[in-house]
Amino acid sequence: MSNSHFMKRPSIKDVAFKAGVSKSTVSHVINGTRFVEDGTKQQVLQVIEELGYRPSVIARSLTTNRTQLIGVIVSDSSNNFFGELIRGIENIFGKANYGLVVCNTDETLEREEYYLNLLLGQQVDGIIAAAASQQWDALRLAEMKHKPVVFVDREFEGIAERPYVGSNNYGGAYLGTKHLIDGGYREIGILAGFQRLSSMRDRLAGFRQALAEHKIPLPDAWIEVSPLSIEAGQEATLRLMSQADRPRALFINNNLLSLGTLLALASLGLRCPEDVALVGFDDHPWAAVSNPPLTVIRQPTLTIGETAAHLLLDMLNGDETPRSKHLFNCELVIRASCGYKR
């Protein structure tokens, strides 16, 4: 094997020597920390290209106090909602030459705590968080080395003045439930999800409001509270459908729960919408090709991610007081799972 395989990686000293300038001049060109005359700047950039020099992230962060890394905390990046959210964040930060460090909490406080400390240890420049806990109060944020934070998807006490981007979950659930009611359904249950999360609580509240306006009763046994998973959706649906007096329609608070519901109905031999009508919260590629195609409340997920990224980027660029709350309306996407078209 030739020695070329072990050639030394070019250093800032090599760039400075070949360009005929000082190391500090090269550093100023790379980091933009001081004005460098255009001719000199072009000479340095040309030598960097010729040598294939890549500045160390660690060394660069010591100079600029920036790592060009953004932490993203979500519950499960394999969930289509969070995958699309991350894509929206990446659309903005990629153009600004930032990288993402994505952390999955699985909705547990322990993993959230671990990843928060990990991100701060990695000196990320800022964090976008769909937080699982309610422990992110003002004191905790002050301890976070003054790193800017934007919250997405979930709200709670203590972040009232912090930037937040999400959907109008209450209005979306109201819209979906009203669609069922307009179709003539009166016996309507709900897979309400994890009530520790504000998004799930808001959806349950919107669901209740639509029923109350039409004086439709809601038995306690028709409210299924559970974790947000396919398995939990299956189990909740089996419990609802095994009742002697079972609902004729279901509103489902989350796309994983919706998939679990479809699997449970298939295992029971129940037809949708003939035996039970469905409206789910969150769209997903499989929702349009399920049997039957699923009527859903679609969130503008990509826009939520992009808006959160813009807010954080503004804060990194010196905006101390971005508008604190951005709520986006949801859209009703009508397919075949309710048995009628409005």
C-alpha atoms as a PDB file:
ATOM      1  CA  MET A   1       0.000   0.000   0.000  1.00  0.00           C
ATOM      2  CA  SER A   2       1.432   3.375  -0.977  1.00  0.00           C
ATOM      3  CA  ASN A   3       2.167   6.138   1.469  1.00  0.00           C
ATOM      4  CA  SER A   4      -0.426   8.285  -0.326  1.00  0.00           C
ATOM      5  CA  HIS A   5      -3.103   6.441   1.658  1.00  0.00           C
ATOM      6  CA  PHE A   6      -1.664   7.950   4.822  1.00  0.00           C
ATOM      7  CA  MET A   7      -1.093  11.499   3.605  1.00  0.00           C
ATOM      8  CA  LYS A   8      -1.515  14.050   6.336  1.00  0.00           C
ATOM      9  CA  ARG A   9      -4.755  15.986   6.312  1.00  0.00           C
ATOM     10  CA  PRO A  10      -4.074  19.625   5.308  1.00  0.00           C
ATOM     11  CA  SER A  11      -4.060  22.082   8.202  1.00  0.00           C
ATOM     12  CA  ILE A  12      -4.807  25.780   8.530  1.00  0.00           C
ATOM     13  CA  LYS A  13      -1.030  26.264   8.697  1.00  0.00           C
ATOM     14  CA  ASP A  14      -0.668  24.623   5.250  1.00  0.00           C
ATOM     15  CA  VAL A  15      -3.345  26.923   3.799  1.00  0.00           C
ATOM     16  CA  ALA A  16      -1.680  30.012   5.281  1.00  0.00           C
ATOM     17  CA  PHE A  17       1.753  29.000   3.966  1.00  0.00           C
ATOM     18  CA  LYS A  18       0.582  28.337   0.410  1.00  0.00           C
ATOM     19  CA  ALA A  19      -1.590  31.490   0.306  1.00  0.00           C
ATOM     20  CA  GLY A  20       1.202  33.610   1.758  1.00  0.00           C
ATOM     21  CA  VAL A  21      -0.902  34.928   4.636  1.00  0.00           C
ATOM     22  CA  SER A  22      -1.108  34.444   8.398  1.00  0.00           C
ATOM     23  CA  LYS A  23      -3.155  31.697  10.080  1.00  0.00           C
ATOM     24  CA  SER A  24      -5.377  34.381  11.628  1.00  0.00           C
ATOM     25  CA  THR A  25      -6.200  35.730   8.145  1.00  0.00           C
ATOM     26  CA  VAL A  26      -7.258  32.247   7.022  1.00  0.00           C
ATOM     27  CA  SER A  27      -9.388  31.945  10.168  1.00  0.00           C
ATOM     28  CA  HIS A  28     -11.080  35.291   9.480  1.00  0.00           C
ATOM     29  CA  VAL A  29     -11.879  34.220   5.913  1.00  0.00           C
ATOM     30  CA  ILE A  30     -13.385  30.908   7.060  1.00  0.00           C
ATOM     31  CA  ASN A  31     -15.357  32.294   9.997  1.00  0.00           C
ATOM     32  CA  GLY A  32     -16.191  35.762   8.738  1.00  0.00           C
ATOM     33  CA  THR A  33     -14.936  37.240  12.012  1.00  0.00           C
ATOM     34  CA  ARG A  34     -13.121  40.207  10.457  1.00  0.00           C
ATOM     35  CA  PHE A  35     -12.979  42.035   7.131  1.00  0.00           C
ATOM     36  CA  VAL A  36     -10.421  40.601   4.680  1.00  0.00           C
ATOM     37  CA  GLU A  37      -9.555  42.420   1.446  1.00  0.00           C
ATOM     38  CA  ASP A  38     -11.299  40.734  -1.488  1.00  0.00           C
ATOM     39  CA  GLY A  39      -8.168  39.752  -3.400  1.00  0.00           C
ATOM     40  CA  THR A  40      -6.662  38.113  -0.318  1.00  0.00           C
ATOM     41  CA  LYS A  41      -9.957  36.416   0.482  1.00  0.00           C
ATOM     42  CA  GLN A  42     -10.210  34.898  -3.028  1.00  0.00           C
ATOM     43  CA  GLN A  43      -6.583  33.703  -2.824  1.00  0.00           C
ATOM     44  CA  VAL A  44      -7.259  31.944   0.501  1.00  0.00           C
ATOM     45  CA  LEU A  45     -10.487  30.357  -0.784  1.00  0.00           C
ATOM     46  CA  GLN A  46      -8.673  29.097  -3.890  1.00  0.00           C
ATOM     47  CA  VAL A  47      -5.928  27.468  -1.788  1.00  0.00           C
ATOM     48  CA  ILE A  48      -8.566  25.904   0.500  1.00  0.00           C
ATOM     49  CA  GLU A  49     -10.181  24.372  -2.582  1.00  0.00           C
ATOM     50  CA  GLU A  50      -6.866  23.181  -4.029  1.00  0.00           C
ATOM     51  CA  LEU A  51      -5.728  21.528  -0.797  1.00  0.00           C
ATOM     52  CA  GLY A  52      -9.163  20.147   0.079  1.00  0.00           C
ATOM     53  CA  TYR A  53      -8.911  21.757   3.504  1.00  0.00           C
ATOM     54  CA  ARG A  54     -11.866  21.189   5.833  1.00  0.00           C
ATOM     55  CA  PRO A  55     -11.872  23.242   9.044  1.00  0.00           C
ATOM     56  CA  SER A  56     -12.366  21.328  12.288  1.00  0.00           C
ATOM     57  CA  VAL A  57     -15.844  21.854  13.724  1.00  0.00           C
ATOM     58  CA  ILE A  58     -14.359  21.934  17.219  1.00  0.00           C
ATOM     59  CA  ALA A  59     -11.688  24.473  16.308  1.00  0.00           C
ATOM     60  CA  ARG A  60     -14.223  26.566  14.425  1.00  0.00           C
ATOM     61  CA  SER A  61     -16.632  26.566  17.361  1.00  0.00           C
ATOM     62  CA  LEU A  62     -13.863  27.869  19.644  1.00  0.00           C
ATOM     63  CA  THR A  63     -13.409  30.812  17.277  1.00  0.00           C
ATOM     64  CA  THR A  64     -17.037  31.606  16.473  1.00  0.00           C
ATOM     65  CA  ASN A  65     -18.785  30.200  19.572  1.00  0.00           C
ATOM     66  CA  ARG A  66     -20.990  28.320  17.070  1.00  0.00           C
ATOM     67  CA  THR A  67     -21.029  24.628  16.163  1.00  0.00           C
ATOM     68  CA  GLN A  68     -23.538  25.021  13.283  1.00  0.00           C
ATOM     69  CA  LEU A  69     -25.540  22.216  14.893  1.00  0.00           C
ATOM     70  CA  ILE A  70     -29.217  22.303  15.890  1.00  0.00           C
ATOM     71  CA  GLY A  71     -30.742  19.804  18.310  1.00  0.00           C
ATOM     72  CA  VAL A  72     -34.175  18.416  17.448  1.00  0.00           C
ATOM     73  CA  ILE A  73     -36.064  16.518  20.156  1.00  0.00           C
ATOM     74  CA  VAL A  74     -39.079  14.458  19.041  1.00  0.00           C
ATOM     75  CA  SER A  75     -40.845  11.389  20.392  1.00  0.00           C
ATOM     76  CA  ASP A  76     -40.375   9.146  17.344  1.00  0.00           C
ATOM     77  CA  SER A  77     -38.777  10.211  14.050  1.00  0.00           C
ATOM     78  CA  SER A  78     -40.195   7.110  12.324  1.00  0.00           C
ATOM     79  CA  ASN A  79     -43.693   8.549  12.840  1.00  0.00           C
ATOM     80  CA  ASN A  80     -44.595  10.257   9.551  1.00  0.00           C
ATOM     81  CA  PHE A  81     -45.663  13.437  11.392  1.00  0.00           C
ATOM     82  CA  PHE A  82     -42.257  13.901  13.020  1.00  0.00           C
ATOM     83  CA  GLY A  83     -40.409  12.786   9.894  1.00  0.00           C
ATOM     84  CA  GLU A  84     -42.127  15.526   7.903  1.00  0.00           C
ATOM     85  CA  LEU A  85     -41.568  18.031  10.727  1.00  0.00           C
ATOM     86  CA  ILE A  86     -37.828  17.263  10.666  1.00  0.00           C
ATOM     87  CA  ARG A  87     -37.794  17.653   6.875  1.00  0.00           C
ATOM     88  CA  GLY A  88     -39.311  21.136   7.249  1.00  0.00           C
ATOM     89  CA  ILE A  89     -36.658  22.084   9.819  1.00  0.00           C
ATOM     90  CA  GLU A  90     -33.926  20.730   7.570  1.00  0.00           C
ATOM     91  CA  ASN A  91     -35.255  22.647   4.556  1.00  0.00           C
ATOM     92  CA  ILE A  92     -34.423  25.919   6.342  1.00  0.00           C
ATOM     93  CA  PHE A  93     -31.306  25.039   8.319  1.00  0.00           C
ATOM     94  CA  GLY A  94     -29.724  23.150   5.419  1.00  0.00           C
ATOM     95  CA  LYS A  95     -29.726  26.344   3.359  1.00  0.00           C
ATOM     96  CA  ALA A  96     -28.092  28.150   6.286  1.00  0.00           C
ATOM     97  CA  ASN A  97     -25.324  25.503   6.511  1.00  0.00           C
ATOM     98  CA  TYR A  98     -26.487  23.978   9.795  1.00  0.00           C
ATOM     99  CA  GLY A  99     -26.673  20.279  10.593  1.00  0.00           C
ATOM    100  CA  LEU A 100     -29.334  18.563  12.713  1.00  0.00           C
ATOM    101  CA  VAL A 101     -28.870  16.243  15.677  1.00  0.00           C
ATOM    102  CA  VAL A 102     -32.182  14.350  16.005  1.00  0.00           C
ATOM    103  CA  CYS A 103     -33.090  12.680  19.308  1.00  0.00           C
ATOM    104  CA  ASN A 104     -36.044  10.338  19.947  1.00  0.00           C
ATOM    105  CA  THR A 105     -37.552  10.376  23.449  1.00  0.00           C
ATOM    106  CA  ASP A 106     -40.211   7.655  23.004  1.00  0.00           C
ATOM    107  CA  GLU A 107     -42.359   9.994  25.140  1.00  0.00           C
ATOM    108  CA  THR A 108     -40.272   9.195  28.237  1.00  0.00           C
ATOM    109  CA  LEU A 109     -38.972  11.824  30.626  1.00  0.00           C
ATOM    110  CA  GLU A 110     -35.764   9.872  31.211  1.00  0.00           C
ATOM    111  CA  ARG A 111     -34.735   9.866  27.534  1.00  0.00           C
ATOM    112  CA  GLU A 112     -35.726  13.501  27.171  1.00  0.00           C
ATOM    113  CA  GLU A 113     -33.519  14.425  30.129  1.00  0.00           C
ATOM    114  CA  TYR A 114     -30.643  12.347  28.739  1.00  0.00           C
ATOM    115  CA  TYR A 115     -30.816  13.866  25.270  1.00  0.00           C
ATOM    116  CA  LEU A 116     -31.216  17.400  26.565  1.00  0.00           C
ATOM    117  CA  ASN A 117     -27.982  17.037  28.538  1.00  0.00           C
ATOM    118  CA  LEU A 118     -26.294  15.367  25.554  1.00  0.00           C
ATOM    119  CA  LEU A 119     -27.242  18.211  23.204  1.00  0.00           C
ATOM    120  CA  LEU A 120     -26.003  20.832  25.645  1.00  0.00           C
ATOM    121  CA  GLY A 121     -22.780  18.861  26.064  1.00  0.00           C
ATOM    122  CA  GLN A 122     -22.372  18.872  22.277  1.00  0.00           C
ATOM    123  CA  GLN A 123     -22.744  22.669  22.365  1.00  0.00           C
ATOM    124  CA  VAL A 124     -25.596  22.809  19.853  1.00  0.00           C
ATOM    125  CA  ASP A 125     -26.472  26.357  18.865  1.00  0.00           C
ATOM    126  CA  GLY A 126     -30.200  25.941  19.564  1.00  0.00           C
ATOM    127  CA  ILE A 127     -32.952  23.377  20.113  1.00  0.00           C
ATOM    128  CA  ILE A 128     -36.345  22.649  18.555  1.00  0.00           C
ATOM    129  CA  ALA A 129     -38.347  20.414  20.887  1.00  0.00           C
ATOM    130  CA  ALA A 130     -41.588  18.476  20.854  1.00  0.00           C
ATOM    131  CA  ALA A 131     -41.165  18.041  24.586  1.00  0.00           C
ATOM    132  CA  ALA A 132     -42.559  15.015  26.398  1.00  0.00           C
ATOM    133  CA  SER A 133     -42.517  16.590  29.849  1.00  0.00           C
ATOM    134  CA  GLN A 134     -43.746  19.706  31.584  1.00  0.00           C
ATOM    135  CA  GLN A 135     -40.390  20.373  33.219  1.00  0.00           C
ATOM    136  CA  TRP A 136     -39.134  22.920  30.684  1.00  0.00           C
ATOM    137  CA  ASP A 137     -39.969  25.920  32.845  1.00  0.00           C
ATOM    138  CA  ALA A 138     -38.269  29.335  32.758  1.00  0.00           C
ATOM    139  CA  LEU A 139     -35.709  28.293  35.373  1.00  0.00           C
ATOM    140  CA  ARG A 140     -34.733  25.206  33.410  1.00  0.00           C
ATOM    141  CA  LEU A 141     -34.394  27.199  30.225  1.00  0.00           C
ATOM    142  CA  ALA A 142     -32.175  29.743  31.995  1.00  0.00           C
ATOM    143  CA  GLU A 143     -29.892  26.865  32.983  1.00  0.00           C
ATOM    144  CA  MET A 144     -29.569  25.740  29.374  1.00  0.00           C
ATOM    145  CA  LYS A 145     -26.479  27.854  28.753  1.00  0.00           C
ATOM    146  CA  HIS A 146     -28.640  30.546  27.186  1.00  0.00           C
ATOM    147  CA  LYS A 147     -29.362  28.394  24.148  1.00  0.00           C
ATOM    148  CA  PRO A 148     -32.462  29.512  22.246  1.00  0.00           C
ATOM    149  CA  VAL A 149     -35.335  26.995  22.218  1.00  0.00           C
ATOM    150  CA  VAL A 150     -38.421  26.775  20.004  1.00  0.00           C
ATOM    151  CA  PHE A 151     -41.203  24.394  21.033  1.00  0.00           C
ATOM    152  CA  VAL A 152     -43.338  22.533  18.498  1.00  0.00           C
ATOM    153  CA  ASP A 153     -46.511  20.425  18.639  1.00  0.00           C
ATOM    154  CA  ARG A 154     -46.948  20.465  22.451  1.00  0.00           C
ATOM    155  CA  GLU A 155     -47.615  23.304  24.893  1.00  0.00           C
ATOM    156  CA  PHE A 156     -47.651  23.516  28.675  1.00  0.00           C
ATOM    157  CA  GLU A 157     -47.385  25.975  31.551  1.00  0.00           C
ATOM    158  CA  GLY A 158     -44.035  27.683  31.804  1.00  0.00           C
ATOM    159  CA  ILE A 159     -43.465  28.276  28.091  1.00  0.00           C
ATOM    160  CA  ALA A 160     -46.119  30.949  27.604  1.00  0.00           C
ATOM    161  CA  GLU A 161     -43.536  33.516  26.520  1.00  0.00           C
ATOM    162  CA  ARG A 162     -41.384  31.060  24.607  1.00  0.00           C
ATOM    163  CA  PRO A 163     -41.651  30.621  20.836  1.00  0.00           C
ATOM    164  CA  TYR A 164     -44.130  27.863  20.006  1.00  0.00           C
ATOM    165  CA  VAL A 165     -45.336  26.519  16.658  1.00  0.00           C
ATOM    166  CA  GLY A 166     -48.167  24.033  16.269  1.00  0.00           C
ATOM    167  CA  SER A 167     -51.553  23.156  14.841  1.00  0.00           C
ATOM    168  CA  ASN A 168     -54.973  24.265  15.985  1.00  0.00           C
ATOM    169  CA  ASN A 169     -55.631  20.837  17.469  1.00  0.00           C
ATOM    170  CA  TYR A 170     -58.905  21.860  19.085  1.00  0.00           C
ATOM    171  CA  GLY A 171     -60.276  23.223  15.803  1.00  0.00           C
ATOM    172  CA  GLY A 172     -59.029  20.237  13.817  1.00  0.00           C
ATOM    173  CA  ALA A 173     -60.707  17.704  16.095  1.00  0.00           C
ATOM    174  CA  TYR A 174     -63.914  19.766  16.097  1.00  0.00           C
ATOM    175  CA  LEU A 175     -63.856  19.767  12.284  1.00  0.00           C
ATOM    176  CA  GLY A 176     -63.399  15.997  12.049  1.00  0.00           C
ATOM    177  CA  THR A 177     -66.063  15.221  14.637  1.00  0.00           C
ATOM    178  CA  LYS A 178     -68.509  17.606  12.949  1.00  0.00           C
ATOM    179  CA  HIS A 179     -67.955  15.689   9.706  1.00  0.00           C
ATOM    180  CA  LEU A 180     -69.073  12.478  11.433  1.00  0.00           C
ATOM    181  CA  ILE A 181     -72.093  14.227  12.957  1.00  0.00           C
ATOM    182  CA  ASP A 182     -73.058  15.750   9.598  1.00  0.00           C
ATOM    183  CA  GLY A 183     -73.003  12.209   8.188  1.00  0.00           C
ATOM    184  CA  GLY A 184     -75.712  11.184  10.630  1.00  0.00           C
ATOM    185  CA  TYR A 185     -73.545   9.443  13.238  1.00  0.00           C
ATOM    186  CA  ARG A 186     -74.596   9.853  16.877  1.00  0.00           C
ATOM    187  CA  GLU A 187     -72.816   6.993  18.660  1.00  0.00           C
ATOM    188  CA  ILE A 188     -69.229   8.293  18.444  1.00  0.00           C
ATOM    189  CA  GLY A 189     -66.244   7.130  20.498  1.00  0.00           C
ATOM    190  CA  ILE A 190     -62.684   8.438  20.602  1.00  0.00           C
ATOM    191  CA  LEU A 191     -59.181   7.061  20.822  1.00  0.00           C
ATOM    192  CA  ALA A 192     -57.894   9.989  22.851  1.00  0.00           C
ATOM    193  CA  GLY A 193     -54.209   9.100  23.128  1.00  0.00           C
ATOM    194  CA  PHE A 194     -51.777  10.276  25.789  1.00  0.00           C
ATOM    195  CA  GLN A 195     -53.552  12.952  27.863  1.00  0.00           C
ATOM    196  CA  ARG A 196     -50.277  14.212  29.353  1.00  0.00           C
ATOM    197  CA  LEU A 197     -49.705  15.881  25.963  1.00  0.00           C
ATOM    198  CA  SER A 198     -51.443  19.191  25.228  1.00  0.00           C
ATOM    199  CA  SER A 199     -52.093  18.188  21.606  1.00  0.00           C
ATOM    200  CA  MET A 200     -54.096  15.150  22.740  1.00  0.00           C
ATOM    201  CA  ARG A 201     -55.990  17.126  25.399  1.00  0.00           C
ATOM    202  CA  ASP A 202     -56.895  19.830  22.885  1.00  0.00           C
ATOM    203  CA  ARG A 203     -58.161  17.252  20.397  1.00  0.00           C
ATOM    204  CA  LEU A 204     -60.331  15.604  23.037  1.00  0.00           C
ATOM    205  CA  ALA A 205     -61.713  19.027  23.981  1.00  0.00           C
ATOM    206  CA  GLY A 206     -62.570  19.836  20.342  1.00  0.00           C
ATOM    207  CA  PHE A 207     -64.245  16.440  19.990  1.00  0.00           C
ATOM    208  CA  ARG A 208     -66.306  17.016  23.153  1.00  0.00           C
ATOM    209  CA  GLN A 209     -67.331  20.497  21.977  1.00  0.00           C
ATOM    210  CA  ALA A 210     -68.717  19.222  18.670  1.00  0.00           C
ATOM    211  CA  LEU A 211     -70.754  16.555  20.478  1.00  0.00           C
ATOM    212  CA  ALA A 212     -72.006  19.021  23.093  1.00  0.00           C
ATOM    213  CA  GLU A 213     -73.204  21.498  20.458  1.00  0.00           C
ATOM    214  CA  HIS A 214     -75.369  18.766  18.955  1.00  0.00           C
ATOM    215  CA  LYS A 215     -76.468  17.421  22.356  1.00  0.00           C
ATOM    216  CA  ILE A 216     -74.876  14.038  21.636  1.00  0.00           C
ATOM    217  CA  PRO A 217     -74.027  12.047  24.785  1.00  0.00           C
ATOM    218  CA  LEU A 218     -70.544  10.617  25.308  1.00  0.00           C
ATOM    219  CA  PRO A 219     -70.323   7.562  27.606  1.00  0.00           C
ATOM    220  CA  ASP A 220     -67.106   7.385  29.614  1.00  0.00           C
ATOM    221  CA  ALA A 221     -66.556   3.862  28.245  1.00  0.00           C
ATOM    222  CA  TRP A 222     -66.240   5.316  24.749  1.00  0.00           C
ATOM    223  CA  ILE A 223     -63.187   7.426  25.668  1.00  0.00           C
ATOM    224  CA  GLU A 224     -60.011   5.346  25.298  1.00  0.00           C
ATOM    225  CA  VAL A 225     -56.860   6.917  26.771  1.00  0.00           C
ATOM    226  CA  SER A 226     -53.618   5.186  25.765  1.00  0.00           C
ATOM    227  CA  PRO A 227     -49.995   5.565  24.650  1.00  0.00           C
ATOM    228  CA  LEU A 228     -49.429   6.636  21.032  1.00  0.00           C
ATOM    229  CA  SER A 229     -48.580   3.405  19.242  1.00  0.00           C
ATOM    230  CA  ILE A 230     -50.029   0.965  16.720  1.00  0.00           C
ATOM    231  CA  GLU A 231     -50.360  -1.687  19.427  1.00  0.00           C
ATOM    232  CA  ALA A 232     -52.176   0.697  21.767  1.00  0.00           C
ATOM    233  CA  GLY A 233     -54.566   1.619  18.943  1.00  0.00           C
ATOM    234  CA  GLN A 234     -55.312  -2.043  18.313  1.00  0.00           C
ATOM    235  CA  GLU A 235     -55.972  -2.766  21.969  1.00  0.00           C
ATOM    236  CA  ALA A 236     -58.139   0.327  22.471  1.00  0.00           C
ATOM    237  CA  THR A 237     -60.246  -0.485  19.407  1.00  0.00           C
ATOM    238  CA  LEU A 238     -60.709  -4.102  20.521  1.00  0.00           C
ATOM    239  CA  ARG A 239     -61.960  -2.861  23.899  1.00  0.00           C
ATOM    240  CA  LEU A 240     -64.389  -0.396  22.287  1.00  0.00           C
ATOM    241  CA  MET A 241     -65.718  -2.871  19.739  1.00  0.00           C
ATOM    242  CA  SER A 242     -66.168  -5.672  22.310  1.00  0.00           C
ATOM    243  CA  GLN A 243     -68.718  -3.615  24.247  1.00  0.00           C
ATOM    244  CA  ALA A 244     -72.363  -4.713  24.000  1.00  0.00           C
ATOM    245  CA  ASP A 245     -73.332  -1.098  23.305  1.00  0.00           C
ATOM    246  CA  ARG A 246     -70.489  -0.095  21.031  1.00  0.00           C
ATOM    247  CA  PRO A 247     -69.958   3.119  19.045  1.00  0.00           C
ATOM    248  CA  ARG A 248     -70.869   3.358  15.357  1.00  0.00           C
ATOM    249  CA  ALA A 249     -68.084   5.820  14.603  1.00  0.00           C
ATOM    250  CA  LEU A 250     -64.629   6.623  15.976  1.00  0.00           C
ATOM    251  CA  PHE A 251     -62.541   9.768  16.030  1.00  0.00           C
ATOM    252  CA  ILE A 252     -58.856   8.849  16.375  1.00  0.00           C
ATOM    253  CA  ASN A 253     -56.370  11.349  17.806  1.00  0.00           C
ATOM    254  CA  ASN A 254     -53.151  10.128  16.144  1.00  0.00           C
ATOM    255  CA  ASN A 255     -51.971   8.370  12.976  1.00  0.00           C
ATOM    256  CA  LEU A 256     -50.354   5.421  14.790  1.00  0.00           C
ATOM    257  CA  LEU A 257     -53.586   4.850  16.696  1.00  0.00           C
ATOM    258  CA  SER A 258     -55.457   4.994  13.374  1.00  0.00           C
ATOM    259  CA  LEU A 259     -53.309   2.221  11.912  1.00  0.00           C
ATOM    260  CA  GLY A 260     -53.903   0.140  15.034  1.00  0.00           C
ATOM    261  CA  THR A 261     -57.648   0.680  14.631  1.00  0.00           C
ATOM    262  CA  LEU A 262     -57.626  -0.553  11.027  1.00  0.00           C
ATOM    263  CA  LEU A 263     -55.705  -3.676  12.059  1.00  0.00           C
ATOM    264  CA  ALA A 264     -58.120  -4.343  14.935  1.00  0.00           C
ATOM    265  CA  LEU A 265     -61.190  -3.982  12.714  1.00  0.00           C
ATOM    266  CA  ALA A 266     -59.679  -6.411  10.185  1.00  0.00           C
ATOM    267  CA  SER A 267     -58.985  -8.956  12.937  1.00  0.00           C
ATOM    268  CA  LEU A 268     -62.592  -8.671  14.142  1.00  0.00           C
ATOM    269  CA  GLY A 269     -64.027  -8.981  10.660  1.00  0.00           C
ATOM    270  CA  LEU A 270     -65.704  -5.566  10.974  1.00  0.00           C
ATOM    271  CA  ARG A 271     -66.158  -3.445   7.871  1.00  0.00           C
ATOM    272  CA  CYS A 272     -65.487   0.275   7.585  1.00  0.00           C
ATOM    273  CA  PRO A 273     -67.661   2.292   7.161  1.00  0.00           C
ATOM    274  CA  GLU A 274     -70.542  -0.249   7.177  1.00  0.00           C
ATOM    275  CA  ASP A 275     -69.910  -1.400  10.771  1.00  0.00           C
ATOM    276  CA  VAL A 276     -67.938   1.557  12.085  1.00  0.00           C
ATOM    277  CA  ALA A 277     -66.969   4.894  10.470  1.00  0.00           C
ATOM    278  CA  LEU A 278     -63.557   6.458  11.078  1.00  0.00           C
ATOM    279  CA  VAL A 279     -61.910   9.881  11.053  1.00  0.00           C
ATOM    280  CA  GLY A 280     -58.226  10.046  12.005  1.00  0.00           C
ATOM    281  CA  PHE A 281     -56.013  12.948  13.053  1.00  0.00           C
ATOM    282  CA  ASP A 282     -52.864  13.237  10.873  1.00  0.00           C
ATOM    283  CA  ASP A 283     -52.472  12.235   7.275  1.00  0.00           C
ATOM    284  CA  HIS A 284     -50.004   9.553   6.199  1.00  0.00           C
ATOM    285  CA  PRO A 285     -49.102   7.997   2.833  1.00  0.00           C
ATOM    286  CA  TRP A 286     -50.892   4.765   3.781  1.00  0.00           C
ATOM    287  CA  ALA A 287     -54.100   6.607   4.741  1.00  0.00           C
ATOM    288  CA  ALA A 288     -55.011   7.172   1.080  1.00  0.00           C
ATOM    289  CA  VAL A 289     -54.480   3.510   0.146  1.00  0.00           C
ATOM    290  CA  SER A 290     -55.860   1.763   3.244  1.00  0.00           C
ATOM    291  CA  ASN A 291     -59.046  -0.268   2.944  1.00  0.00           C
ATOM    292  CA  PRO A 292     -61.034   1.900   2.861  1.00  0.00           C
ATOM    293  CA  PRO A 293     -59.061   5.128   2.283  1.00  0.00           C
ATOM    294  CA  LEU A 294     -59.135   7.013   5.572  1.00  0.00           C
ATOM    295  CA  THR A 295     -60.769  10.390   6.121  1.00  0.00           C
ATOM    296  CA  VAL A 296     -58.280  12.489   8.096  1.00  0.00           C
ATOM    297  CA  ILE A 297     -57.498  15.840   9.636  1.00  0.00           C
ATOM    298  CA  ARG A 298     -54.290  16.946   7.910  1.00  0.00           C
ATOM    299  CA  GLN A 299     -51.807  19.174   9.714  1.00  0.00           C
ATOM    300  CA  PRO A 300     -49.520  21.541   7.746  1.00  0.00           C
ATOM    301  CA  THR A 301     -46.559  19.660   9.196  1.00  0.00           C
ATOM    302  CA  LEU A 302     -43.886  20.828   6.765  1.00  0.00           C
ATOM    303  CA  THR A 303     -44.934  24.453   7.364  1.00  0.00           C
ATOM    304  CA  ILE A 304     -44.762  23.935  11.139  1.00  0.00           C
ATOM    305  CA  GLY A 305     -41.188  22.647  10.835  1.00  0.00           C
ATOM    306  CA  GLU A 306     -40.117  25.438   8.506  1.00  0.00           C
ATOM    307  CA  THR A 307     -41.714  28.114  10.707  1.00  0.00           C
ATOM    308  CA  ALA A 308     -40.009  26.750  13.831  1.00  0.00           C
ATOM    309  CA  ALA A 309     -36.681  26.741  11.983  1.00  0.00           C
ATOM    310  CA  HIS A 310     -37.152  30.337  10.802  1.00  0.00           C
ATOM    311  CA  LEU A 311     -37.925  31.422  14.379  1.00  0.00           C
ATOM    312  CA  LEU A 312     -34.838  29.703  15.785  1.00  0.00           C
ATOM    313  CA  LEU A 313     -32.654  31.085  12.995  1.00  0.00           C
ATOM    314  CA  ASP A 314     -33.941  34.593  13.753  1.00  0.00           C
ATOM    315  CA  MET A 315     -33.033  34.099  17.417  1.00  0.00           C
ATOM    316  CA  LEU A 316     -29.553  32.870  16.483  1.00  0.00           C
ATOM    317  CA  ASN A 317     -29.162  35.985  14.356  1.00  0.00           C
ATOM    318  CA  GLY A 318     -30.009  38.287  17.246  1.00  0.00           C
ATOM    319  CA  ASP A 319     -33.819  38.563  17.368  1.00  0.00           C
ATOM    320  CA  GLU A 320     -34.464  38.459  21.122  1.00  0.00           C
ATOM    321  CA  THR A 321     -38.253  38.646  20.974  1.00  0.00           C
ATOM    322  CA  PRO A 322     -39.788  36.568  18.166  1.00  0.00           C
ATOM    323  CA  ARG A 323     -43.590  36.399  18.211  1.00  0.00           C
ATOM    324  CA  SER A 324     -44.253  33.715  20.783  1.00  0.00           C
ATOM    325  CA  LYS A 325     -47.109  31.632  19.356  1.00  0.00           C
ATOM    326  CA  HIS A 326     -47.853  30.424  15.821  1.00  0.00           C
ATOM    327  CA  LEU A 327     -50.935  28.240  15.311  1.00  0.00           C
ATOM    328  CA  PHE A 328     -51.879  26.797  11.930  1.00  0.00           C
ATOM    329  CA  ASN A 329     -55.334  25.551  10.982  1.00  0.00           C
ATOM    330  CA  CYS A 330     -55.870  21.961   9.911  1.00  0.00           C
ATOM    331  CA  GLU A 331     -57.630  20.621   6.812  1.00  0.00           C
ATOM    332  CA  LEU A 332     -60.354  17.977   6.529  1.00  0.00           C
ATOM    333  CA  VAL A 333     -59.415  15.428   3.840  1.00  0.00           C
ATOM    334  CA  ILE A 334     -62.539  13.434   2.950  1.00  0.00           C
ATOM    335  CA  ARG A 335     -62.069   9.852   1.811  1.00  0.00           C
ATOM    336  CA  ALA A 336     -64.247   6.726   2.044  1.00  0.00           C
ATOM    337  CA  SER A 337     -64.049   5.745   5.734  1.00  0.00           C
ATOM    338  CA  CYS A 338     -67.177   7.715   6.701  1.00  0.00           C
ATOM    339  CA  GLY A 339     -69.356   6.391   3.895  1.00  0.00           C
ATOM    340  CA  TYR A 340     -70.481   9.716   2.502  1.00  0.00           C
ATOM    341  CA  LYS A 341     -69.165  12.890   0.907  1.00  0.00           C
ATOM    342  CA  ARG A 342     -70.116  16.293   2.222  1.00  0.00           C
END
